[in-house]
């Protein structure tokens, strides 16, 4: 299988891929041309590979940095998962700079936010509600470029829908977290 994504391959992903909710991610990556992507809560190796391949196709910079944060083998037995080694092996084939970290959104992001540097795109897929994520929003601005974007999985229904958040939106959520901590003291 060639790592290069053809124009026809991109159009197939953009208009016909399943789940339908991923199409907005593919469209955004082709338009925004991110060179650094963080995916928190990997839903599939295939989607991660597609995001990298689209970024490689449309970005002027051919070295794409990809960081995946997921529970991997630590997922509950009832939830299908992938092993960290399997994901790393498959994503290395894209020739992107791959970094994988085991853990969930709430515990891993505060620990690694400063290490991850400034990223263009962050995708958060979690089963937790927005209120449960409040303590973690404080760390996301550290991980983002000023023009960075976060896509948050906004639905737990069968079809995945994403909420698009700008750097300004994330800062507002981070400030809300700071106010909660201040009021609790």
Protein backbone atom coordinates (compact mmCIF):
# COMPACT_ATOMS: atom_id res chain seq x y z
CA UNK A 1 0.00 0.00 0.00
CA UNK A 2 1.43 3.36 -1.00
CA UNK A 3 1.71 5.94 1.76
CA UNK A 4 0.94 8.75 -0.67
CA UNK A 5 -2.66 9.83 -0.84
CA UNK A 6 -3.96 10.39 -4.35
CA UNK A 7 -6.37 13.16 -5.19
CA UNK A 8 -9.08 10.58 -5.85
CA UNK A 9 -8.28 8.93 -2.51
CA UNK A 10 -8.70 12.29 -0.76
CA UNK A 11 -12.06 12.95 -2.42
CA UNK A 12 -13.27 9.48 -1.41
CA UNK A 13 -12.35 10.24 2.21
CA UNK A 14 -13.79 13.75 2.07
CA UNK A 15 -17.19 12.76 0.67
CA UNK A 16 -17.74 9.05 1.29
CA UNK A 17 -15.82 7.98 4.41
CA UNK A 18 -17.55 6.44 7.39
CA UNK A 19 -18.27 7.52 10.04
CA UNK A 20 -19.69 10.64 8.44
CA UNK A 21 -18.48 12.83 11.33
CA UNK A 22 -14.85 12.24 10.30
CA UNK A 23 -15.43 14.03 7.00
CA UNK A 24 -15.34 17.44 8.69
CA UNK A 25 -11.93 16.55 10.14
CA UNK A 26 -10.60 15.57 6.72
CA UNK A 27 -11.95 18.77 5.16
CA UNK A 28 -10.42 20.88 7.92
CA UNK A 29 -7.00 19.23 7.60
CA UNK A 30 -6.93 19.81 3.84
CA UNK A 31 -7.87 23.49 4.27
CA UNK A 32 -5.84 24.39 7.39
CA UNK A 33 -2.77 22.32 6.45
CA UNK A 34 -1.67 21.50 10.02
CA UNK A 35 1.86 20.21 10.51
CA UNK A 36 1.34 19.06 14.11
CA UNK A 37 -1.68 17.04 15.22
CA UNK A 38 -2.61 15.73 18.66
CA UNK A 39 -5.37 13.12 18.83
CA UNK A 40 -6.67 12.41 22.32
CA UNK A 41 -8.74 9.25 22.37
CA UNK A 42 -7.86 7.39 19.18
CA UNK A 43 -10.97 5.96 17.55
CA UNK A 44 -9.17 3.96 14.86
CA UNK A 45 -5.75 3.51 13.31
CA UNK A 46 -7.33 4.15 9.93
CA UNK A 47 -8.62 7.61 10.88
CA UNK A 48 -5.28 8.60 12.40
CA UNK A 49 -3.48 7.41 9.27
CA UNK A 50 -5.92 9.31 7.05
CA UNK A 51 -5.42 12.53 9.03
CA UNK A 52 -1.65 12.22 8.65
CA UNK A 53 -1.82 11.38 4.94
CA UNK A 54 -4.14 14.32 4.20
CA UNK A 55 -1.87 16.67 6.16
CA UNK A 56 1.12 15.37 4.17
CA UNK A 57 -0.71 15.90 0.89
CA UNK A 58 -1.77 19.49 1.51
CA UNK A 59 0.96 20.86 3.79
CA UNK A 60 4.04 22.58 2.38
CA UNK A 61 6.04 20.95 5.17
CA UNK A 62 6.22 17.23 4.50
CA UNK A 63 7.22 16.20 8.03
CA UNK A 64 4.01 15.93 10.01
CA UNK A 65 4.16 15.50 13.79
CA UNK A 66 1.45 13.31 15.26
CA UNK A 67 0.85 12.60 18.94
CA UNK A 68 -1.76 10.09 20.03
CA UNK A 69 -2.99 9.88 23.62
CA UNK A 70 -5.15 6.88 24.40
CA UNK A 71 -5.70 4.20 27.02
CA UNK A 72 -4.55 1.57 24.47
CA UNK A 73 -4.32 -1.74 26.40
CA UNK A 74 -5.78 -0.02 29.48
CA UNK A 75 -9.27 0.22 27.99
CA UNK A 76 -12.09 -1.69 29.65
CA UNK A 77 -12.55 -5.21 28.33
CA UNK A 78 -15.97 -4.24 26.94
CA UNK A 79 -14.43 -1.47 24.78
CA UNK A 80 -12.52 -2.59 21.70
CA UNK A 81 -9.02 -1.19 21.77
CA UNK A 82 -5.68 -1.33 20.03
CA UNK A 83 -2.26 -2.03 21.43
CA UNK A 84 0.26 0.78 21.59
CA UNK A 85 2.78 -1.30 19.63
CA UNK A 86 0.26 -2.06 16.88
CA UNK A 87 -0.73 1.61 16.51
CA UNK A 88 2.91 2.72 16.46
CA UNK A 89 3.86 0.11 13.86
CA UNK A 90 0.99 1.10 11.57
CA UNK A 91 1.41 4.87 11.90
CA UNK A 92 5.21 4.69 11.37
CA UNK A 93 4.43 3.58 7.80
CA UNK A 94 3.21 7.12 7.07
CA UNK A 95 6.75 8.45 7.69
CA UNK A 96 5.35 11.08 10.05
CA UNK A 97 7.04 11.77 13.38
CA UNK A 98 4.89 9.64 15.70
CA UNK A 99 4.63 9.96 19.47
CA UNK A 100 2.15 7.82 21.43
CA UNK A 101 1.31 8.21 25.11
CA UNK A 102 -0.85 5.89 27.19
CA UNK A 103 -3.45 7.57 29.38
CA UNK A 104 -6.74 9.43 29.34
CA UNK A 105 -7.55 13.08 28.71
CA UNK A 106 -7.92 14.09 32.35
CA UNK A 107 -4.72 12.56 33.71
CA UNK A 108 -2.31 12.67 30.76
CA UNK A 109 -2.84 16.17 29.36
CA UNK A 110 -1.86 17.99 32.59
CA UNK A 111 1.26 15.83 32.80
CA UNK A 112 2.48 16.32 29.21
CA UNK A 113 1.02 19.68 28.09
CA UNK A 114 4.35 21.52 28.27
CA UNK A 115 6.23 18.71 26.51
CA UNK A 116 3.91 18.65 23.50
CA UNK A 117 4.67 22.20 22.44
CA UNK A 118 2.54 24.25 20.09
CA UNK A 119 0.16 22.23 17.89
CA UNK A 120 -2.06 23.25 15.00
CA UNK A 121 -4.84 20.73 15.55
CA UNK A 122 -6.07 18.86 18.62
CA UNK A 123 -8.85 16.28 18.35
CA UNK A 124 -10.49 15.19 21.60
CA UNK A 125 -12.72 12.12 21.57
CA UNK A 126 -13.92 11.22 25.03
CA UNK A 127 -16.96 9.71 26.66
CA UNK A 128 -16.78 12.23 29.50
CA UNK A 129 -19.17 15.20 29.54
CA UNK A 130 -17.99 18.81 29.22
CA UNK A 131 -18.21 19.47 32.95
CA UNK A 132 -15.94 16.53 33.76
CA UNK A 133 -13.33 17.99 31.39
CA UNK A 134 -13.32 21.43 33.07
CA UNK A 135 -10.12 20.88 35.12
CA UNK A 136 -8.19 19.92 31.98
CA UNK A 137 -9.09 22.89 29.74
CA UNK A 138 -6.50 24.95 31.61
CA UNK A 139 -3.70 22.94 29.97
CA UNK A 140 -4.85 23.00 26.34
CA UNK A 141 -3.75 26.59 25.49
CA UNK A 142 -0.18 25.51 26.32
CA UNK A 143 -0.48 22.86 23.62
CA UNK A 144 -1.86 25.14 20.88
CA UNK A 145 -0.66 27.66 18.36
CA UNK A 146 -2.54 30.98 18.50
CA UNK A 147 -4.33 29.91 15.32
CA UNK A 148 -4.78 26.32 16.53
CA UNK A 149 -8.10 24.52 16.55
CA UNK A 150 -9.64 21.87 18.78
CA UNK A 151 -12.30 19.46 17.58
CA UNK A 152 -14.25 18.01 20.50
CA UNK A 153 -16.49 15.01 20.03
CA UNK A 154 -19.82 16.56 20.88
CA UNK A 155 -22.10 13.56 20.56
CA UNK A 156 -22.34 10.10 22.04
CA UNK A 157 -24.89 8.94 19.47
CA UNK A 158 -24.15 6.43 16.71
CA UNK A 159 -22.91 9.17 14.36
CA UNK A 160 -19.96 11.17 15.58
CA UNK A 161 -20.30 14.95 15.53
CA UNK A 162 -17.53 17.36 16.44
CA UNK A 163 -17.63 20.80 17.99
CA UNK A 164 -14.98 23.12 16.56
CA UNK A 165 -13.25 25.33 19.16
CA UNK A 166 -10.76 28.11 18.42
CA UNK A 167 -7.83 29.15 20.59
CA UNK A 168 -10.03 31.94 21.96
CA UNK A 169 -12.76 29.42 22.90
CA UNK A 170 -10.24 27.20 24.67
CA UNK A 171 -8.85 30.19 26.58
CA UNK A 172 -12.38 31.01 27.75
CA UNK A 173 -12.84 27.45 29.01
CA UNK A 174 -9.44 27.59 30.72
CA UNK A 175 -10.37 30.87 32.43
CA UNK A 176 -13.60 29.28 33.67
CA UNK A 177 -11.55 26.51 35.24
CA UNK A 178 -9.28 29.08 36.90
CA UNK A 179 -12.32 30.92 38.32
CA UNK A 180 -13.68 27.65 39.74
CA UNK A 181 -10.37 26.96 41.47
CA UNK A 182 -10.19 30.51 42.80
CA UNK A 183 -13.76 30.35 44.14
CA UNK A 184 -13.11 26.99 45.79
CA UNK A 185 -10.15 28.42 47.75
